[in-house]
Full PDB file with SEQRES, HELIX, SHEET, SSBOND, CRYST1, ORIGX, SCALE, CONECT and MASTER records, all heavy atoms in Angstrom:
SEQRES   1 A   30  SER THR VAL TYR LEU GLU MET ASN ASN ARG GLU ARG GLU          
SEQRES   2 A   30  VAL THR ALA GLY TYR TYR CYS ASN ALA LYS PHE ARG PRO          
SEQRES   3 A   30  ASP LYS TYR TRP                                              
SHEET    1 AA1 2 ALA A  22  PHE A  24  0                                        
SHEET    2 AA1 2 ASP A  27  TYR A  29 -1                                        
CRYST1    1.000    1.000    1.000  90.00  90.00  90.00 P 1           1          
ORIGX1      1.000000  0.000000  0.000000        0.00000                         
ORIGX2      0.000000  1.000000  0.000000        0.00000                         
ORIGX3      0.000000  0.000000  1.000000        0.00000                         
SCALE1      1.000000  0.000000  0.000000        0.00000                         
SCALE2      0.000000  1.000000  0.000000        0.00000                         
SCALE3      0.000000  0.000000  1.000000        0.00000                         
ATOM      1  N   SER A   1      -3.981  19.423  12.837  1.00  0.00           N  
ATOM      2  CA  SER A   1      -3.422  19.523  11.472  1.00  0.00           C  
ATOM      3  C   SER A   1      -3.294  18.149  10.841  1.00  0.00           C  
ATOM      4  O   SER A   1      -2.313  17.817  10.125  1.00  0.00           O  
ATOM      5  CB  SER A   1      -1.989  20.171  11.475  1.00  0.00           C  
ATOM      6  OG  SER A   1      -2.145  21.509  11.915  1.00  0.00           O  
ATOM      7  N   THR A   2      -4.337  17.354  11.056  1.00  0.00           N  
ATOM      8  CA  THR A   2      -4.260  15.917  10.637  1.00  0.00           C  
ATOM      9  C   THR A   2      -5.488  15.507   9.874  1.00  0.00           C  
ATOM     10  O   THR A   2      -6.632  15.895  10.345  1.00  0.00           O  
ATOM     11  CB  THR A   2      -4.120  14.956  11.865  1.00  0.00           C  
ATOM     12  OG1 THR A   2      -2.819  15.353  12.463  1.00  0.00           O  
ATOM     13  CG2 THR A   2      -3.982  13.508  11.464  1.00  0.00           C  
ATOM     14  N   VAL A   3      -5.317  14.753   8.872  1.00  0.00           N  
ATOM     15  CA  VAL A   3      -6.404  14.116   8.116  1.00  0.00           C  
ATOM     16  C   VAL A   3      -6.324  12.675   8.260  1.00  0.00           C  
ATOM     17  O   VAL A   3      -5.226  12.098   8.370  1.00  0.00           O  
ATOM     18  CB  VAL A   3      -6.488  14.602   6.668  1.00  0.00           C  
ATOM     19  CG1 VAL A   3      -5.191  14.092   5.916  1.00  0.00           C  
ATOM     20  CG2 VAL A   3      -7.730  14.015   5.878  1.00  0.00           C  
ATOM     21  N   TYR A   4      -7.456  11.914   8.402  1.00  0.00           N  
ATOM     22  CA  TYR A   4      -7.505  10.524   8.609  1.00  0.00           C  
ATOM     23  C   TYR A   4      -8.317   9.782   7.571  1.00  0.00           C  
ATOM     24  O   TYR A   4      -9.107  10.434   6.785  1.00  0.00           O  
ATOM     25  CB  TYR A   4      -8.253  10.222   9.930  1.00  0.00           C  
ATOM     26  CG  TYR A   4      -7.616  10.927  11.191  1.00  0.00           C  
ATOM     27  CD1 TYR A   4      -8.180  12.143  11.588  1.00  0.00           C  
ATOM     28  CD2 TYR A   4      -6.563  10.358  11.829  1.00  0.00           C  
ATOM     29  CE1 TYR A   4      -7.645  12.847  12.688  1.00  0.00           C  
ATOM     30  CE2 TYR A   4      -6.087  11.025  12.899  1.00  0.00           C  
ATOM     31  CZ  TYR A   4      -6.523  12.271  13.328  1.00  0.00           C  
ATOM     32  OH  TYR A   4      -6.027  12.909  14.372  1.00  0.00           O  
ATOM     33  N   LEU A   5      -7.949   8.568   7.351  1.00  0.00           N  
ATOM     34  CA  LEU A   5      -8.673   7.701   6.362  1.00  0.00           C  
ATOM     35  C   LEU A   5      -8.951   6.422   7.131  1.00  0.00           C  
ATOM     36  O   LEU A   5      -8.035   5.662   7.425  1.00  0.00           O  
ATOM     37  CB  LEU A   5      -7.925   7.451   5.091  1.00  0.00           C  
ATOM     38  CG  LEU A   5      -8.728   6.649   4.105  1.00  0.00           C  
ATOM     39  CD1 LEU A   5      -9.923   7.462   3.524  1.00  0.00           C  
ATOM     40  CD2 LEU A   5      -7.853   6.229   2.923  1.00  0.00           C  
ATOM     41  N   GLU A   6     -10.241   6.230   7.543  1.00  0.00           N  
ATOM     42  CA  GLU A   6     -10.692   4.949   8.178  1.00  0.00           C  
ATOM     43  C   GLU A   6     -11.124   4.047   7.089  1.00  0.00           C  
ATOM     44  O   GLU A   6     -12.023   4.347   6.373  1.00  0.00           O  
ATOM     45  CB  GLU A   6     -11.806   5.294   9.160  1.00  0.00           C  
ATOM     46  CG  GLU A   6     -12.235   4.147  10.009  1.00  0.00           C  
ATOM     47  CD  GLU A   6     -11.288   3.844  11.161  1.00  0.00           C  
ATOM     48  OE1 GLU A   6     -10.838   4.855  11.732  1.00  0.00           O  
ATOM     49  OE2 GLU A   6     -11.102   2.700  11.519  1.00  0.00           O  
ATOM     50  N   MET A   7     -10.434   2.863   6.951  1.00  0.00           N  
ATOM     51  CA  MET A   7     -10.730   1.934   5.953  1.00  0.00           C  
ATOM     52  C   MET A   7     -11.298   0.708   6.634  1.00  0.00           C  
ATOM     53  O   MET A   7     -10.628  -0.008   7.427  1.00  0.00           O  
ATOM     54  CB  MET A   7      -9.456   1.510   5.159  1.00  0.00           C  
ATOM     55  CG  MET A   7      -8.839   2.748   4.556  1.00  0.00           C  
ATOM     56  SD  MET A   7      -7.477   2.340   3.452  1.00  0.00           S  
ATOM     57  CE  MET A   7      -6.262   1.888   4.783  1.00  0.00           C  
ATOM     58  N   ASN A   8     -12.583   0.374   6.345  1.00  0.00           N  
ATOM     59  CA  ASN A   8     -13.213  -0.759   6.818  1.00  0.00           C  
ATOM     60  C   ASN A   8     -13.629  -1.712   5.744  1.00  0.00           C  
ATOM     61  O   ASN A   8     -13.862  -1.262   4.616  1.00  0.00           O  
ATOM     62  CB  ASN A   8     -14.419  -0.343   7.619  1.00  0.00           C  
ATOM     63  CG  ASN A   8     -14.162   0.464   8.872  1.00  0.00           C  
ATOM     64  OD1 ASN A   8     -13.306   0.087   9.661  1.00  0.00           O  
ATOM     65  ND2 ASN A   8     -14.811   1.591   8.985  1.00  0.00           N  
ATOM     66  N   ASN A   9     -13.698  -3.017   6.156  1.00  0.00           N  
ATOM     67  CA  ASN A   9     -14.198  -3.976   5.168  1.00  0.00           C  
ATOM     68  C   ASN A   9     -13.415  -3.922   3.826  1.00  0.00           C  
ATOM     69  O   ASN A   9     -13.990  -3.750   2.775  1.00  0.00           O  
ATOM     70  CB  ASN A   9     -15.629  -3.846   4.878  1.00  0.00           C  
ATOM     71  CG  ASN A   9     -16.239  -5.045   4.040  1.00  0.00           C  
ATOM     72  OD1 ASN A   9     -15.652  -6.083   4.001  1.00  0.00           O  
ATOM     73  ND2 ASN A   9     -17.383  -4.807   3.430  1.00  0.00           N  
ATOM     74  N   ARG A  10     -12.146  -4.088   3.946  1.00  0.00           N  
ATOM     75  CA  ARG A  10     -11.199  -3.864   2.826  1.00  0.00           C  
ATOM     76  C   ARG A  10     -11.253  -5.168   1.922  1.00  0.00           C  
ATOM     77  O   ARG A  10     -10.215  -5.819   1.760  1.00  0.00           O  
ATOM     78  CB  ARG A  10      -9.823  -3.601   3.222  1.00  0.00           C  
ATOM     79  CG  ARG A  10      -9.629  -2.146   3.733  1.00  0.00           C  
ATOM     80  CD  ARG A  10      -8.158  -2.042   4.196  1.00  0.00           C  
ATOM     81  NE  ARG A  10      -7.272  -2.608   3.223  1.00  0.00           N  
ATOM     82  CZ  ARG A  10      -6.694  -1.885   2.235  1.00  0.00           C  
ATOM     83  NH1 ARG A  10      -7.009  -0.610   2.109  1.00  0.00           N  
ATOM     84  NH2 ARG A  10      -5.831  -2.480   1.426  1.00  0.00           N  
ATOM     85  N   GLU A  11     -12.374  -5.588   1.439  1.00  0.00           N  
ATOM     86  CA  GLU A  11     -12.539  -6.867   0.725  1.00  0.00           C  
ATOM     87  C   GLU A  11     -11.886  -6.601  -0.759  1.00  0.00           C  
ATOM     88  O   GLU A  11     -11.254  -7.585  -1.204  1.00  0.00           O  
ATOM     89  CB  GLU A  11     -13.968  -7.159   0.514  1.00  0.00           C  
ATOM     90  CG  GLU A  11     -14.603  -7.685   1.859  1.00  0.00           C  
ATOM     91  CD  GLU A  11     -14.125  -9.105   2.251  1.00  0.00           C  
ATOM     92  OE1 GLU A  11     -13.304  -9.711   1.561  1.00  0.00           O  
ATOM     93  OE2 GLU A  11     -14.463  -9.526   3.389  1.00  0.00           O  
ATOM     94  N   ARG A  12     -12.053  -5.499  -1.291  1.00  0.00           N  
ATOM     95  CA  ARG A  12     -11.746  -5.376  -2.690  1.00  0.00           C  
ATOM     96  C   ARG A  12     -10.390  -4.740  -2.900  1.00  0.00           C  
ATOM     97  O   ARG A  12      -9.804  -4.741  -4.039  1.00  0.00           O  
ATOM     98  CB  ARG A  12     -12.746  -4.469  -3.449  1.00  0.00           C  
ATOM     99  CG  ARG A  12     -14.121  -5.193  -3.601  1.00  0.00           C  
ATOM    100  CD  ARG A  12     -15.140  -4.213  -4.049  1.00  0.00           C  
ATOM    101  NE  ARG A  12     -16.049  -3.823  -3.044  1.00  0.00           N  
ATOM    102  CZ  ARG A  12     -16.970  -2.861  -3.090  1.00  0.00           C  
ATOM    103  NH1 ARG A  12     -17.160  -2.238  -4.192  1.00  0.00           N  
ATOM    104  NH2 ARG A  12     -17.794  -2.646  -2.048  1.00  0.00           N  
ATOM    105  N   GLU A  13      -9.813  -4.148  -1.860  1.00  0.00           N  
ATOM    106  CA  GLU A  13      -8.609  -3.371  -2.018  1.00  0.00           C  
ATOM    107  C   GLU A  13      -7.408  -4.329  -2.130  1.00  0.00           C  
ATOM    108  O   GLU A  13      -7.344  -5.384  -1.421  1.00  0.00           O  
ATOM    109  CB  GLU A  13      -8.386  -2.378  -0.905  1.00  0.00           C  
ATOM    110  CG  GLU A  13      -9.177  -1.152  -1.040  1.00  0.00           C  
ATOM    111  CD  GLU A  13     -10.690  -1.431  -0.931  1.00  0.00           C  
ATOM    112  OE1 GLU A  13     -11.100  -2.239  -0.128  1.00  0.00           O  
ATOM    113  OE2 GLU A  13     -11.449  -0.747  -1.650  1.00  0.00           O  
ATOM    114  N   VAL A  14      -6.398  -3.895  -2.920  1.00  0.00           N  
ATOM    115  CA  VAL A  14      -5.128  -4.765  -2.997  1.00  0.00           C  
ATOM    116  C   VAL A  14      -4.062  -3.958  -2.273  1.00  0.00           C  
ATOM    117  O   VAL A  14      -4.207  -2.800  -1.812  1.00  0.00           O  
ATOM    118  CB  VAL A  14      -4.771  -4.857  -4.473  1.00  0.00           C  
ATOM    119  CG1 VAL A  14      -5.952  -5.755  -5.206  1.00  0.00           C  
ATOM    120  CG2 VAL A  14      -4.554  -3.648  -5.182  1.00  0.00           C  
ATOM    121  N   THR A  15      -2.909  -4.602  -2.207  1.00  0.00           N  
ATOM    122  CA  THR A  15      -1.714  -3.936  -1.710  1.00  0.00           C  
ATOM    123  C   THR A  15      -1.453  -2.615  -2.490  1.00  0.00           C  
ATOM    124  O   THR A  15      -1.360  -2.612  -3.746  1.00  0.00           O  
ATOM    125  CB  THR A  15      -0.499  -4.834  -1.750  1.00  0.00           C  
ATOM    126  OG1 THR A  15      -0.737  -5.901  -0.806  1.00  0.00           O  
ATOM    127  CG2 THR A  15       0.737  -4.115  -1.281  1.00  0.00           C  
ATOM    128  N   ALA A  16      -1.270  -1.564  -1.747  1.00  0.00           N  
ATOM    129  CA  ALA A  16      -1.086  -0.272  -2.450  1.00  0.00           C  
ATOM    130  C   ALA A  16      -0.463   0.768  -1.502  1.00  0.00           C  
ATOM    131  O   ALA A  16      -0.433   0.595  -0.328  1.00  0.00           O  
ATOM    132  CB  ALA A  16      -2.371   0.327  -2.986  1.00  0.00           C  
ATOM    133  N   GLY A  17       0.206   1.781  -2.039  1.00  0.00           N  
ATOM    134  CA  GLY A  17       0.708   2.889  -1.321  1.00  0.00           C  
ATOM    135  C   GLY A  17      -0.416   3.856  -1.151  1.00  0.00           C  
ATOM    136  O   GLY A  17      -1.247   4.024  -2.177  1.00  0.00           O  
ATOM    137  N   TYR A  18      -0.579   4.459  -0.051  1.00  0.00           N  
ATOM    138  CA  TYR A  18      -1.573   5.478   0.115  1.00  0.00           C  
ATOM    139  C   TYR A  18      -0.912   6.875   0.374  1.00  0.00           C  
ATOM    140  O   TYR A  18       0.051   6.985   1.230  1.00  0.00           O  
ATOM    141  CB  TYR A  18      -2.524   5.153   1.328  1.00  0.00           C  
ATOM    142  CG  TYR A  18      -3.438   4.141   0.997  1.00  0.00           C  
ATOM    143  CD1 TYR A  18      -3.140   2.776   0.840  1.00  0.00           C  
ATOM    144  CD2 TYR A  18      -4.871   4.419   0.638  1.00  0.00           C  
ATOM    145  CE1 TYR A  18      -4.090   1.799   0.466  1.00  0.00           C  
ATOM    146  CE2 TYR A  18      -5.734   3.548   0.257  1.00  0.00           C  
ATOM    147  CZ  TYR A  18      -5.399   2.209   0.215  1.00  0.00           C  
ATOM    148  OH  TYR A  18      -6.303   1.240  -0.226  1.00  0.00           O  
ATOM    149  N   TYR A  19      -1.321   7.856  -0.301  1.00  0.00           N  
ATOM    150  CA  TYR A  19      -0.641   9.170  -0.343  1.00  0.00           C  
ATOM    151  C   TYR A  19      -1.655  10.193   0.101  1.00  0.00           C  
ATOM    152  O   TYR A  19      -2.806  10.255  -0.388  1.00  0.00           O  
ATOM    153  CB  TYR A  19      -0.089   9.448  -1.755  1.00  0.00           C  
ATOM    154  CG  TYR A  19       0.900   8.444  -2.211  1.00  0.00           C  
ATOM    155  CD1 TYR A  19       0.477   7.277  -2.836  1.00  0.00           C  
ATOM    156  CD2 TYR A  19       2.255   8.664  -1.981  1.00  0.00           C  
ATOM    157  CE1 TYR A  19       1.442   6.346  -3.186  1.00  0.00           C  
ATOM    158  CE2 TYR A  19       3.173   7.693  -2.369  1.00  0.00           C  
ATOM    159  CZ  TYR A  19       2.778   6.534  -2.973  1.00  0.00           C  
ATOM    160  OH  TYR A  19       3.648   5.680  -3.392  1.00  0.00           O  
ATOM    161  N   CYS A  20      -1.111  11.122   0.923  1.00  0.00           N  
ATOM    162  CA  CYS A  20      -1.914  12.331   1.360  1.00  0.00           C  
ATOM    163  C   CYS A  20      -1.560  13.431   0.462  1.00  0.00           C  
ATOM    164  O   CYS A  20      -0.473  13.665  -0.007  1.00  0.00           O  
ATOM    165  CB  CYS A  20      -1.449  12.545   2.795  1.00  0.00           C  
ATOM    166  SG  CYS A  20      -2.220  13.974   3.588  1.00  0.00           S  
ATOM    167  N   ASN A  21      -2.607  14.283   0.241  1.00  0.00           N  
ATOM    168  CA  ASN A  21      -2.462  15.405  -0.657  1.00  0.00           C  
ATOM    169  C   ASN A  21      -3.152  16.578   0.026  1.00  0.00           C  
ATOM    170  O   ASN A  21      -4.246  16.484   0.605  1.00  0.00           O  
ATOM    171  CB  ASN A  21      -3.119  15.101  -1.989  1.00  0.00           C  
ATOM    172  CG  ASN A  21      -3.254  16.350  -2.874  1.00  0.00           C  
ATOM    173  OD1 ASN A  21      -4.221  17.059  -2.809  1.00  0.00           O  
ATOM    174  ND2 ASN A  21      -2.238  16.564  -3.709  1.00  0.00           N  
ATOM    175  N   ALA A  22      -2.498  17.804  -0.109  1.00  0.00           N  
ATOM    176  CA  ALA A  22      -3.089  19.047   0.441  1.00  0.00           C  
ATOM    177  C   ALA A  22      -3.132  20.051  -0.778  1.00  0.00           C  
ATOM    178  O   ALA A  22      -2.075  20.207  -1.443  1.00  0.00           O  
ATOM    179  CB  ALA A  22      -2.182  19.605   1.547  1.00  0.00           C  
ATOM    180  N   LYS A  23      -4.212  20.601  -0.871  1.00  0.00           N  
ATOM    181  CA  LYS A  23      -4.385  21.553  -2.080  1.00  0.00           C  
ATOM    182  C   LYS A  23      -5.007  22.893  -1.697  1.00  0.00           C  
ATOM    183  O   LYS A  23      -5.971  22.955  -0.938  1.00  0.00           O  
ATOM    184  CB  LYS A  23      -5.276  20.892  -3.110  1.00  0.00           C  
ATOM    185  CG  LYS A  23      -5.448  21.696  -4.389  1.00  0.00           C  
ATOM    186  CD  LYS A  23      -6.233  20.958  -5.456  1.00  0.00           C  
ATOM    187  CE  LYS A  23      -7.629  20.672  -5.019  1.00  0.00           C  
ATOM    188  NZ  LYS A  23      -8.331  19.888  -6.128  1.00  0.00           N  
ATOM    189  N   PHE A  24      -4.335  23.958  -1.989  1.00  0.00           N  
ATOM    190  CA  PHE A  24      -4.839  25.278  -1.930  1.00  0.00           C  
ATOM    191  C   PHE A  24      -4.269  26.034  -3.085  1.00  0.00           C  
ATOM    192  O   PHE A  24      -3.124  26.418  -3.147  1.00  0.00           O  
ATOM    193  CB  PHE A  24      -4.462  25.951  -0.569  1.00  0.00           C  
ATOM    194  CG  PHE A  24      -4.933  27.354  -0.418  1.00  0.00           C  
ATOM    195  CD1 PHE A  24      -6.237  27.555  -0.135  1.00  0.00           C  
ATOM    196  CD2 PHE A  24      -4.097  28.458  -0.429  1.00  0.00           C  
ATOM    197  CE1 PHE A  24      -6.790  28.872  -0.009  1.00  0.00           C  
ATOM    198  CE2 PHE A  24      -4.566  29.716  -0.260  1.00  0.00           C  
ATOM    199  CZ  PHE A  24      -5.831  29.978  -0.019  1.00  0.00           C  
ATOM    200  N   ARG A  25      -5.195  26.296  -4.094  1.00  0.00           N  
ATOM    201  CA  ARG A  25      -4.800  26.705  -5.397  1.00  0.00           C  
ATOM    202  C   ARG A  25      -3.879  28.010  -5.252  1.00  0.00           C  
ATOM    203  O   ARG A  25      -4.173  28.972  -4.575  1.00  0.00           O  
ATOM    204  CB  ARG A  25      -5.973  27.030  -6.218  1.00  0.00           C  
ATOM    205  CG  ARG A  25      -6.653  25.766  -6.670  1.00  0.00           C  
ATOM    206  CD  ARG A  25      -7.801  26.050  -7.588  1.00  0.00           C  
ATOM    207  NE  ARG A  25      -8.512  24.840  -8.017  1.00  0.00           N  
ATOM    208  CZ  ARG A  25      -9.570  24.837  -8.865  1.00  0.00           C  
ATOM    209  NH1 ARG A  25     -10.102  26.008  -9.338  1.00  0.00           N  
ATOM    210  NH2 ARG A  25     -10.134  23.684  -9.149  1.00  0.00           N  
ATOM    211  N   PRO A  26      -2.796  27.974  -6.051  1.00  0.00           N  
ATOM    212  CA  PRO A  26      -2.340  26.994  -6.972  1.00  0.00           C  
ATOM    213  C   PRO A  26      -1.427  25.920  -6.418  1.00  0.00           C  
ATOM    214  O   PRO A  26      -0.843  25.081  -7.077  1.00  0.00           O  
ATOM    215  CB  PRO A  26      -1.503  27.835  -7.977  1.00  0.00           C  
ATOM    216  CG  PRO A  26      -0.948  28.914  -7.156  1.00  0.00           C  
ATOM    217  CD  PRO A  26      -1.887  29.157  -6.066  1.00  0.00           C  
ATOM    218  N   ASP A  27      -1.265  25.884  -5.100  1.00  0.00           N  
ATOM    219  CA  ASP A  27      -0.339  25.014  -4.443  1.00  0.00           C  
ATOM    220  C   ASP A  27      -0.903  23.660  -4.194  1.00  0.00           C  
ATOM    221  O   ASP A  27      -2.088  23.465  -3.874  1.00  0.00           O  
ATOM    222  CB  ASP A  27       0.124  25.643  -3.123  1.00  0.00           C  
ATOM    223  CG  ASP A  27       0.817  26.980  -3.219  1.00  0.00           C  
ATOM    224  OD1 ASP A  27       1.535  27.173  -4.266  1.00  0.00           O  
ATOM    225  OD2 ASP A  27       0.613  27.833  -2.397  1.00  0.00           O  
ATOM    226  N   LYS A  28      -0.042  22.664  -4.349  1.00  0.00           N  
ATOM    227  CA  LYS A  28      -0.422  21.282  -4.099  1.00  0.00           C  
ATOM    228  C   LYS A  28       0.812  20.542  -3.526  1.00  0.00           C  
ATOM    229  O   LYS A  28       1.984  20.669  -4.063  1.00  0.00           O  
ATOM    230  CB  LYS A  28      -0.870  20.576  -5.369  1.00  0.00           C  
ATOM    231  CG  LYS A  28      -1.430  19.155  -5.187  1.00  0.00           C  
ATOM    232  CD  LYS A  28      -1.830  18.478  -6.476  1.00  0.00           C  
ATOM    233  CE  LYS A  28      -3.082  19.160  -7.032  1.00  0.00           C  
ATOM    234  NZ  LYS A  28      -3.577  18.353  -8.169  1.00  0.00           N  
ATOM    235  N   TYR A  29       0.537  19.768  -2.505  1.00  0.00           N  
ATOM    236  CA  TYR A  29       1.619  19.087  -1.760  1.00  0.00           C  
ATOM    237  C   TYR A  29       1.292  17.591  -1.602  1.00  0.00           C  
ATOM    238  O   TYR A  29       0.113  17.292  -1.443  1.00  0.00           O  
ATOM    239  CB  TYR A  29       1.830  19.726  -0.362  1.00  0.00           C  
ATOM    240  CG  TYR A  29       2.196  21.161  -0.470  1.00  0.00           C  
ATOM    241  CD1 TYR A  29       1.252  22.067  -0.234  1.00  0.00           C  
ATOM    242  CD2 TYR A  29       3.549  21.578  -0.751  1.00  0.00           C  
ATOM    243  CE1 TYR A  29       1.542  23.465  -0.305  1.00  0.00           C  
ATOM    244  CE2 TYR A  29       3.790  22.979  -0.800  1.00  0.00           C  
ATOM    245  CZ  TYR A  29       2.830  23.819  -0.578  1.00  0.00           C  
ATOM    246  OH  TYR A  29       3.109  25.178  -0.635  1.00  0.00           O  
ATOM    247  N   TRP A  30       2.253  16.775  -1.621  1.00  0.00           N  
ATOM    248  CA  TRP A  30       2.137  15.276  -1.504  1.00  0.00           C  
ATOM    249  C   TRP A  30       3.083  14.787  -0.338  1.00  0.00           C  
ATOM    250  O   TRP A  30       4.139  15.343  -0.169  1.00  0.00           O  
ATOM    251  CB  TRP A  30       2.545  14.607  -2.720  1.00  0.00           C  
ATOM    252  CG  TRP A  30       1.720  14.839  -3.913  1.00  0.00           C  
ATOM    253  CD1 TRP A  30       1.814  15.733  -4.825  1.00  0.00           C  
ATOM    254  CD2 TRP A  30       0.485  14.169  -4.210  1.00  0.00           C  
ATOM    255  NE1 TRP A  30       0.802  15.696  -5.840  1.00  0.00           N  
ATOM    256  CE2 TRP A  30      -0.073  14.654  -5.422  1.00  0.00           C  
ATOM    257  CE3 TRP A  30      -0.227  13.029  -3.571  1.00  0.00           C  
ATOM    258  CZ2 TRP A  30      -1.304  14.245  -6.019  1.00  0.00           C  
ATOM    259  CZ3 TRP A  30      -1.398  12.613  -4.177  1.00  0.00           C  
ATOM    260  CH2 TRP A  30      -1.886  13.206  -5.359  1.00  0.00           C  
TER     261      TRP A  30                                                      
MASTER        0    0    0    0    2    0    0    6  260    1    0    3          
END                                                                             
């Protein structure tokens, strides 16, 4: 029940919050 985000070569990215989202219409969760 897990989703991943592998981030490589983060040259352009700045400090930020990363948020997970689950969607199954009409429901959406954060």
